[in-house]
Amino acid sequence: MREKDLSKISRIIRVLLKYPEGVWIRRISRESKLPVSTVHFYIDNILGDLIENIGARDRKGKFFGLRIVKLKPKVRESVEKKGLKIVFNYLKMYNKV
């Protein structure tokens, strides 16, 4: 498994904070200066509990075509009030990082 990097998580969350209505994964990649595959990995495997996905799925539950992601409202609220440390604490508590 890839090493989980808190700076990458931070960069992804900072982009998500800029788009409360959601944003394409490619835009997150562009603005965070991370490869699309890295953004996919972190969203699907590390940040999945904190993020809402909007888009079409196939019969197996995999997204295809357009996919929009955004922070869940309570997560956004917590990060805006308490900062990114709350996310890191959650991820550490559940052994995600």
C-alpha atoms as a PDB file:
ATOM      1  CA  MET A   1       0.000   0.000   0.000  1.00  0.00           C
ATOM      2  CA  ARG A   2       1.147   3.520  -0.715  1.00  0.00           C
ATOM      3  CA  GLU A   3       2.423   5.712   2.053  1.00  0.00           C
ATOM      4  CA  LYS A   4      -0.271   8.129   3.163  1.00  0.00           C
ATOM      5  CA  ASP A   5       0.971  11.688   3.177  1.00  0.00           C
ATOM      6  CA  LEU A   6      -0.738  14.292   5.380  1.00  0.00           C
ATOM      7  CA  SER A   7       0.390  17.116   3.099  1.00  0.00           C
ATOM      8  CA  LYS A   8      -1.443  15.491   0.172  1.00  0.00           C
ATOM      9  CA  ILE A   9      -4.566  15.097   2.291  1.00  0.00           C
ATOM     10  CA  SER A  10      -4.278  18.727   3.327  1.00  0.00           C
ATOM     11  CA  ARG A  11      -3.937  19.904  -0.284  1.00  0.00           C
ATOM     12  CA  ILE A  12      -7.006  17.925  -1.363  1.00  0.00           C
ATOM     13  CA  ILE A  13      -9.141  19.190   1.527  1.00  0.00           C
ATOM     14  CA  ARG A  14      -8.088  22.808   0.916  1.00  0.00           C
ATOM     15  CA  VAL A  15      -9.340  22.540  -2.673  1.00  0.00           C
ATOM     16  CA  LEU A  16     -12.590  20.912  -1.517  1.00  0.00           C
ATOM     17  CA  LEU A  17     -13.140  23.774   0.941  1.00  0.00           C
ATOM     18  CA  LYS A  18     -13.090  26.230  -1.973  1.00  0.00           C
ATOM     19  CA  TYR A  19     -16.014  24.435  -3.654  1.00  0.00           C
ATOM     20  CA  PRO A  20     -18.905  23.852  -1.221  1.00  0.00           C
ATOM     21  CA  GLU A  21     -21.193  22.662  -4.051  1.00  0.00           C
ATOM     22  CA  GLY A  22     -18.653  20.101  -5.255  1.00  0.00           C
ATOM     23  CA  VAL A  23     -15.822  19.877  -7.738  1.00  0.00           C
ATOM     24  CA  TRP A  24     -14.497  17.494 -10.387  1.00  0.00           C
ATOM     25  CA  ILE A  25     -11.617  15.263  -9.435  1.00  0.00           C
ATOM     26  CA  ARG A  26      -9.550  16.623 -12.324  1.00  0.00           C
ATOM     27  CA  ARG A  27      -9.905  20.149 -10.936  1.00  0.00           C
ATOM     28  CA  ILE A  28      -8.800  18.943  -7.505  1.00  0.00           C
ATOM     29  CA  SER A  29      -5.806  17.382  -9.222  1.00  0.00           C
ATOM     30  CA  ARG A  30      -4.975  20.553 -11.113  1.00  0.00           C
ATOM     31  CA  GLU A  31      -5.341  22.914  -8.151  1.00  0.00           C
ATOM     32  CA  SER A  32      -3.588  20.658  -5.638  1.00  0.00           C
ATOM     33  CA  LYS A  33      -0.811  19.857  -8.132  1.00  0.00           C
ATOM     34  CA  LEU A  34      -1.287  16.129  -7.476  1.00  0.00           C
ATOM     35  CA  PRO A  35      -1.729  13.440 -10.136  1.00  0.00           C
ATOM     36  CA  VAL A  36      -5.332  12.418 -10.852  1.00  0.00           C
ATOM     37  CA  SER A  37      -4.543   8.857  -9.742  1.00  0.00           C
ATOM     38  CA  THR A  38      -3.287  10.145  -6.381  1.00  0.00           C
ATOM     39  CA  VAL A  39      -6.433  12.227  -5.855  1.00  0.00           C
ATOM     40  CA  HIS A  40      -8.569   9.176  -6.721  1.00  0.00           C
ATOM     41  CA  PHE A  41      -6.598   7.026  -4.272  1.00  0.00           C
ATOM     42  CA  TYR A  42      -7.003   9.457  -1.384  1.00  0.00           C
ATOM     43  CA  ILE A  43     -10.683  10.154  -2.060  1.00  0.00           C
ATOM     44  CA  ASP A  44     -11.616   6.488  -2.475  1.00  0.00           C
ATOM     45  CA  ASN A  45      -9.404   4.945   0.207  1.00  0.00           C
ATOM     46  CA  ILE A  46      -8.561   7.551   2.837  1.00  0.00           C
ATOM     47  CA  LEU A  47     -11.139  10.354   2.762  1.00  0.00           C
ATOM     48  CA  GLY A  48     -14.184   8.317   1.705  1.00  0.00           C
ATOM     49  CA  ASP A  49     -16.002   8.727   5.036  1.00  0.00           C
ATOM     50  CA  LEU A  50     -15.655  12.516   4.867  1.00  0.00           C
ATOM     51  CA  ILE A  51     -16.745  13.057   1.266  1.00  0.00           C
ATOM     52  CA  GLU A  52     -19.977  12.901  -0.726  1.00  0.00           C
ATOM     53  CA  ASN A  53     -19.760  11.576  -4.292  1.00  0.00           C
ATOM     54  CA  ILE A  54     -22.212  12.702  -6.942  1.00  0.00           C
ATOM     55  CA  GLY A  55     -22.314  10.939 -10.292  1.00  0.00           C
ATOM     56  CA  ALA A  56     -23.433   7.949 -12.310  1.00  0.00           C
ATOM     57  CA  ARG A  57     -22.485   4.420 -11.228  1.00  0.00           C
ATOM     58  CA  ASP A  58     -22.431   1.170 -13.117  1.00  0.00           C
ATOM     59  CA  ARG A  59     -23.990  -2.085 -11.861  1.00  0.00           C
ATOM     60  CA  LYS A  60     -20.893  -2.841  -9.796  1.00  0.00           C
ATOM     61  CA  GLY A  61     -21.093   0.526  -8.016  1.00  0.00           C
ATOM     62  CA  LYS A  62     -18.099   2.044  -9.817  1.00  0.00           C
ATOM     63  CA  PHE A  63     -18.342   5.644 -10.973  1.00  0.00           C
ATOM     64  CA  PHE A  64     -18.178   6.385 -14.691  1.00  0.00           C
ATOM     65  CA  GLY A  65     -18.355   9.605 -16.600  1.00  0.00           C
ATOM     66  CA  LEU A  66     -18.728  12.788 -14.609  1.00  0.00           C
ATOM     67  CA  ARG A  67     -18.027  12.542 -10.880  1.00  0.00           C
ATOM     68  CA  ILE A  68     -18.348  15.438  -8.456  1.00  0.00           C
ATOM     69  CA  VAL A  69     -17.026  15.260  -4.897  1.00  0.00           C
ATOM     70  CA  LYS A  70     -17.557  17.540  -1.925  1.00  0.00           C
ATOM     71  CA  LEU A  71     -16.970  17.522   1.802  1.00  0.00           C
ATOM     72  CA  LYS A  72     -19.932  16.381   3.877  1.00  0.00           C
ATOM     73  CA  PRO A  73     -21.628  19.396   5.520  1.00  0.00           C
ATOM     74  CA  LYS A  74     -20.650  18.491   9.101  1.00  0.00           C
ATOM     75  CA  VAL A  75     -17.052  17.835   8.034  1.00  0.00           C
ATOM     76  CA  ARG A  76     -16.877  21.194   6.244  1.00  0.00           C
ATOM     77  CA  GLU A  77     -18.319  22.931   9.298  1.00  0.00           C
ATOM     78  CA  SER A  78     -15.820  21.241  11.641  1.00  0.00           C
ATOM     79  CA  VAL A  79     -12.832  22.029   9.431  1.00  0.00           C
ATOM     80  CA  GLU A  80     -13.899  25.666   9.057  1.00  0.00           C
ATOM     81  CA  LYS A  81     -14.229  26.014  12.846  1.00  0.00           C
ATOM     82  CA  LYS A  82     -11.358  23.864  14.111  1.00  0.00           C
ATOM     83  CA  GLY A  83      -8.986  23.501  11.159  1.00  0.00           C
ATOM     84  CA  LEU A  84      -7.483  20.512   9.396  1.00  0.00           C
ATOM     85  CA  LYS A  85      -6.236  19.011  12.649  1.00  0.00           C
ATOM     86  CA  ILE A  86      -9.728  17.629  13.295  1.00  0.00           C
ATOM     87  CA  VAL A  87      -9.543  15.646  10.042  1.00  0.00           C
ATOM     88  CA  PHE A  88      -6.075  14.319  10.842  1.00  0.00           C
ATOM     89  CA  ASN A  89      -7.238  13.250  14.312  1.00  0.00           C
ATOM     90  CA  TYR A  90     -10.211  11.407  12.813  1.00  0.00           C
ATOM     91  CA  LEU A  91      -8.035   9.667  10.216  1.00  0.00           C
ATOM     92  CA  LYS A  92      -5.511   8.622  12.866  1.00  0.00           C
ATOM     93  CA  MET A  93      -8.248   7.382  15.196  1.00  0.00           C
ATOM     94  CA  TYR A  94      -9.600   5.089  12.463  1.00  0.00           C
ATOM     95  CA  ASN A  95      -6.117   4.013  11.273  1.00  0.00           C
ATOM     96  CA  LYS A  96      -6.466   5.668   7.878  1.00  0.00           C
ATOM     97  CA  VAL A  97      -3.056   7.359   8.141  1.00  0.00           C
END
